[in-house]
Each structure stands twice: as structure tokens, then as C-alpha cells.
């Protein structure tokens, strides 16, 4: 399980950094409505929380391919949403330095640390 959590965490943060990059679900995110740096950070946090929920529910799974089909599909949808957010962030020319100032970014860092410990 630790391997799965680390993989999910690394994928999320890699997507966040290398693509220039409250109750809502990822499917509710309308990427075209994201305008400010913290809008993008909030959206990424929502996706990350959903990924963590999947990881927490599958603590005994060692690899992504070993997830139930339903969870594999959810991970795929979440990764697509994350890429959509990252692409929109790059298009909007939102810098990582601006994202790092947002509360959601700080929460993502804490979440990533938790995931790595598990």
C-alpha cells in the first residue's frame, strides 16, 4: 500500500510541478472558470483529496494495476482532470510561485507528506 500511496503522491506532484503548473468533487470542476492562482490550487487540491480517498480505501494494494476496475477508472478520470487543470494553468500563464502562496497549496503539501508516511 505504501508503494501505491507514494506512486499517487508522486504522480500528483509531478503533474503539478512539471506541467507548469470544500466539498466539491473533481467532476464539478469547470476548468474554464479557473482564473486566479488560488482557483487552480483549489482545483488541484480537490483532485488530490479524491486520489487520497482511493489510496486510503486500497491500503492493501501494491500497484495501480491491482486496483479494482472501478477505482482504476476513477484514477484515470482524476488524472485527466488534473492534466486539464495543469494545461489551463499554463495557458493562463499562472506561475508556480503564485500557486505556492495559496492555502490550498499548503494543504496539498501536508496531504502529500501524509501519503508518503503511509
C-alpha atoms as a PDB file:
ATOM      1  CA  UNK A   1       0.000   0.000   0.000  1.00  0.00           C
ATOM      2  CA  UNK A   2       2.800   2.392   0.820  1.00  0.00           C
ATOM      3  CA  UNK A   3       4.049   1.955  -2.740  1.00  0.00           C
ATOM      4  CA  UNK A   4       0.606   2.841  -4.146  1.00  0.00           C
ATOM      5  CA  UNK A   5       0.342   5.935  -1.960  1.00  0.00           C
ATOM      6  CA  UNK A   6       3.821   7.082  -2.935  1.00  0.00           C
ATOM      7  CA  UNK A   7       3.036   6.484  -6.621  1.00  0.00           C
ATOM      8  CA  UNK A   8      -0.175   8.510  -6.395  1.00  0.00           C
ATOM      9  CA  UNK A   9       1.577  11.289  -4.480  1.00  0.00           C
ATOM     10  CA  UNK A  10       4.480  11.435  -6.897  1.00  0.00           C
ATOM     11  CA  UNK A  11       2.156  11.436  -9.911  1.00  0.00           C
ATOM     12  CA  UNK A  12       0.100  14.254  -8.452  1.00  0.00           C
ATOM     13  CA  UNK A  13       3.037  16.443  -7.545  1.00  0.00           C
ATOM     14  CA  UNK A  14       4.900  15.640 -10.749  1.00  0.00           C
ATOM     15  CA  UNK A  15       1.847  16.673 -12.730  1.00  0.00           C
ATOM     16  CA  UNK A  16       1.546  19.799 -10.613  1.00  0.00           C
ATOM     17  CA  UNK A  17       5.169  20.905 -10.968  1.00  0.00           C
ATOM     18  CA  UNK A  18       6.248  19.636 -14.349  1.00  0.00           C
ATOM     19  CA  UNK A  19       3.280  20.752 -16.391  1.00  0.00           C
ATOM     20  CA  UNK A  20       3.848  24.306 -15.166  1.00  0.00           C
ATOM     21  CA  UNK A  21       1.610  24.092 -13.157  1.00  0.00           C
ATOM     22  CA  UNK A  22     -14.826  22.278   0.468  1.00  0.00           C
ATOM     23  CA  UNK A  23     -16.981  19.503  -0.567  1.00  0.00           C
ATOM     24  CA  UNK A  24     -16.634  19.856  -4.308  1.00  0.00           C
ATOM     25  CA  UNK A  25     -15.775  16.844  -6.420  1.00  0.00           C
ATOM     26  CA  UNK A  26     -13.347  16.752  -9.313  1.00  0.00           C
ATOM     27  CA  UNK A  27     -16.237  16.191 -11.694  1.00  0.00           C
ATOM     28  CA  UNK A  28     -17.709  19.536 -10.526  1.00  0.00           C
ATOM     29  CA  UNK A  29     -14.616  21.492 -11.530  1.00  0.00           C
ATOM     30  CA  UNK A  30     -15.193  23.677 -14.563  1.00  0.00           C
ATOM     31  CA  UNK A  31     -11.651  24.300 -15.727  1.00  0.00           C
ATOM     32  CA  UNK A  32     -12.709  27.173 -17.974  1.00  0.00           C
ATOM     33  CA  UNK A  33     -13.859  29.049 -14.855  1.00  0.00           C
ATOM     34  CA  UNK A  34     -10.452  28.896 -13.150  1.00  0.00           C
ATOM     35  CA  UNK A  35      -8.885  32.349 -13.350  1.00  0.00           C
ATOM     36  CA  UNK A  36      -6.670  33.107 -10.351  1.00  0.00           C
ATOM     37  CA  UNK A  37      -3.708  31.151  -8.986  1.00  0.00           C
ATOM     38  CA  UNK A  38      -5.673  30.014  -5.948  1.00  0.00           C
ATOM     39  CA  UNK A  39      -8.527  28.802  -8.170  1.00  0.00           C
ATOM     40  CA  UNK A  40      -6.066  26.399  -9.775  1.00  0.00           C
ATOM     41  CA  UNK A  41      -4.614  25.382  -6.405  1.00  0.00           C
ATOM     42  CA  UNK A  42      -8.107  24.742  -5.019  1.00  0.00           C
ATOM     43  CA  UNK A  43      -8.981  22.580  -8.027  1.00  0.00           C
ATOM     44  CA  UNK A  44      -5.764  20.570  -7.715  1.00  0.00           C
ATOM     45  CA  UNK A  45      -6.426  20.045  -4.023  1.00  0.00           C
ATOM     46  CA  UNK A  46      -9.881  18.645  -4.752  1.00  0.00           C
ATOM     47  CA  UNK A  47      -8.374  16.128  -7.174  1.00  0.00           C
ATOM     48  CA  UNK A  48      -5.609  15.230  -4.746  1.00  0.00           C
ATOM     49  CA  UNK A  49      -8.104  14.600  -1.930  1.00  0.00           C
ATOM     50  CA  UNK A  50     -10.086  12.249  -4.138  1.00  0.00           C
ATOM     51  CA  UNK A  51      -6.908  10.396  -5.093  1.00  0.00           C
ATOM     52  CA  UNK A  52      -6.062  10.043  -1.407  1.00  0.00           C
ATOM     53  CA  UNK A  53      -9.534   8.634  -0.709  1.00  0.00           C
ATOM     54  CA  UNK A  54      -8.897   5.926  -3.301  1.00  0.00           C
ATOM     55  CA  UNK A  55      -5.459   5.205  -1.856  1.00  0.00           C
ATOM     56  CA  UNK A  56      -6.851   5.025   1.692  1.00  0.00           C
ATOM     57  CA  UNK A  57      -9.581   2.625   0.595  1.00  0.00           C
ATOM     58  CA  UNK A  58      -6.975   0.379  -1.048  1.00  0.00           C
ATOM     59  CA  UNK A  59      -4.227   0.229   1.564  1.00  0.00           C
ATOM     60  CA  UNK A  60      -3.539  -3.428   0.757  1.00  0.00           C
ATOM     61  CA  UNK A  61      -2.971  -2.756  -2.975  1.00  0.00           C
ATOM     62  CA  UNK A  62       0.655  -2.523  -4.036  1.00  0.00           C
ATOM     63  CA  UNK A  63       0.292  -1.315  -7.633  1.00  0.00           C
ATOM     64  CA  UNK A  64      -2.169   0.798  -9.628  1.00  0.00           C
ATOM     65  CA  UNK A  65      -2.915  -2.091 -11.988  1.00  0.00           C
ATOM     66  CA  UNK A  66      -4.068  -4.160  -8.980  1.00  0.00           C
ATOM     67  CA  UNK A  67      -6.873  -1.728  -8.151  1.00  0.00           C
ATOM     68  CA  UNK A  68     -10.471  -2.747  -8.798  1.00  0.00           C
ATOM     69  CA  UNK A  69     -11.593  -1.712 -12.281  1.00  0.00           C
ATOM     70  CA  UNK A  70     -13.906   0.910 -10.781  1.00  0.00           C
ATOM     71  CA  UNK A  71     -11.030   2.526  -8.871  1.00  0.00           C
ATOM     72  CA  UNK A  72      -8.720   2.305 -11.890  1.00  0.00           C
ATOM     73  CA  UNK A  73     -11.357   4.177 -13.892  1.00  0.00           C
ATOM     74  CA  UNK A  74     -11.672   6.820 -11.156  1.00  0.00           C
ATOM     75  CA  UNK A  75      -7.887   7.301 -11.067  1.00  0.00           C
ATOM     76  CA  UNK A  76      -7.842   7.684 -14.847  1.00  0.00           C
ATOM     77  CA  UNK A  77     -10.616  10.311 -14.728  1.00  0.00           C
ATOM     78  CA  UNK A  78      -8.836  12.162 -11.913  1.00  0.00           C
ATOM     79  CA  UNK A  79      -5.531  12.161 -13.786  1.00  0.00           C
ATOM     80  CA  UNK A  80      -7.255  13.538 -16.893  1.00  0.00           C
ATOM     81  CA  UNK A  81      -8.869  16.266 -14.793  1.00  0.00           C
ATOM     82  CA  UNK A  82      -5.508  17.109 -13.224  1.00  0.00           C
ATOM     83  CA  UNK A  83      -3.897  17.381 -16.657  1.00  0.00           C
ATOM     84  CA  UNK A  84      -6.778  19.562 -17.846  1.00  0.00           C
ATOM     85  CA  UNK A  85      -6.237  21.855 -14.849  1.00  0.00           C
ATOM     86  CA  UNK A  86      -2.482  21.970 -15.433  1.00  0.00           C
ATOM     87  CA  UNK A  87      -2.882  22.768 -19.123  1.00  0.00           C
ATOM     88  CA  UNK A  88      -5.338  25.560 -18.321  1.00  0.00           C
ATOM     89  CA  UNK A  89      -2.930  26.905 -15.710  1.00  0.00           C
ATOM     90  CA  UNK A  90      -0.116  27.021 -18.272  1.00  0.00           C
ATOM     91  CA  UNK A  91      -2.399  28.674 -20.833  1.00  0.00           C
ATOM     92  CA  UNK A  92      -3.446  31.276 -18.250  1.00  0.00           C
ATOM     93  CA  UNK A  93       0.260  31.861 -17.526  1.00  0.00           C
ATOM     94  CA  UNK A  94      -0.188  31.253 -13.801  1.00  0.00           C
ATOM     95  CA  UNK A  95       3.229  30.787 -12.221  1.00  0.00           C
ATOM     96  CA  UNK A  96       4.097  28.139  -9.649  1.00  0.00           C
ATOM     97  CA  UNK A  97       5.333  30.881  -7.308  1.00  0.00           C
ATOM     98  CA  UNK A  98       1.818  32.317  -7.230  1.00  0.00           C
ATOM     99  CA  UNK A  99       0.253  28.898  -6.590  1.00  0.00           C
ATOM    100  CA  UNK A 100       2.633  28.326  -3.673  1.00  0.00           C
ATOM    101  CA  UNK A 101       1.158  31.365  -1.907  1.00  0.00           C
ATOM    102  CA  UNK A 102      -2.292  29.767  -1.730  1.00  0.00           C
ATOM    103  CA  UNK A 103      -3.683  27.988   1.327  1.00  0.00           C
ATOM    104  CA  UNK A 104      -4.674  25.048  -0.890  1.00  0.00           C
ATOM    105  CA  UNK A 105      -1.039  24.554  -1.881  1.00  0.00           C
ATOM    106  CA  UNK A 106      -0.013  24.363   1.756  1.00  0.00           C
ATOM    107  CA  UNK A 107      -2.764  21.806   2.347  1.00  0.00           C
ATOM    108  CA  UNK A 108      -1.550  19.793  -0.663  1.00  0.00           C
ATOM    109  CA  UNK A 109       1.938  19.698   0.826  1.00  0.00           C
ATOM    110  CA  UNK A 110       0.546  18.352   4.115  1.00  0.00           C
ATOM    111  CA  UNK A 111      -1.540  15.776   2.272  1.00  0.00           C
ATOM    112  CA  UNK A 112       1.477  14.647   0.274  1.00  0.00           C
ATOM    113  CA  UNK A 113       3.504  14.240   3.475  1.00  0.00           C
ATOM    114  CA  UNK A 114       0.705  12.143   4.993  1.00  0.00           C
ATOM    115  CA  UNK A 115       0.545   9.955   1.912  1.00  0.00           C
ATOM    116  CA  UNK A 116       4.281   9.356   1.926  1.00  0.00           C
ATOM    117  CA  UNK A 117       4.195   8.289   5.599  1.00  0.00           C
ATOM    118  CA  UNK A 118       1.521   5.635   5.000  1.00  0.00           C
END
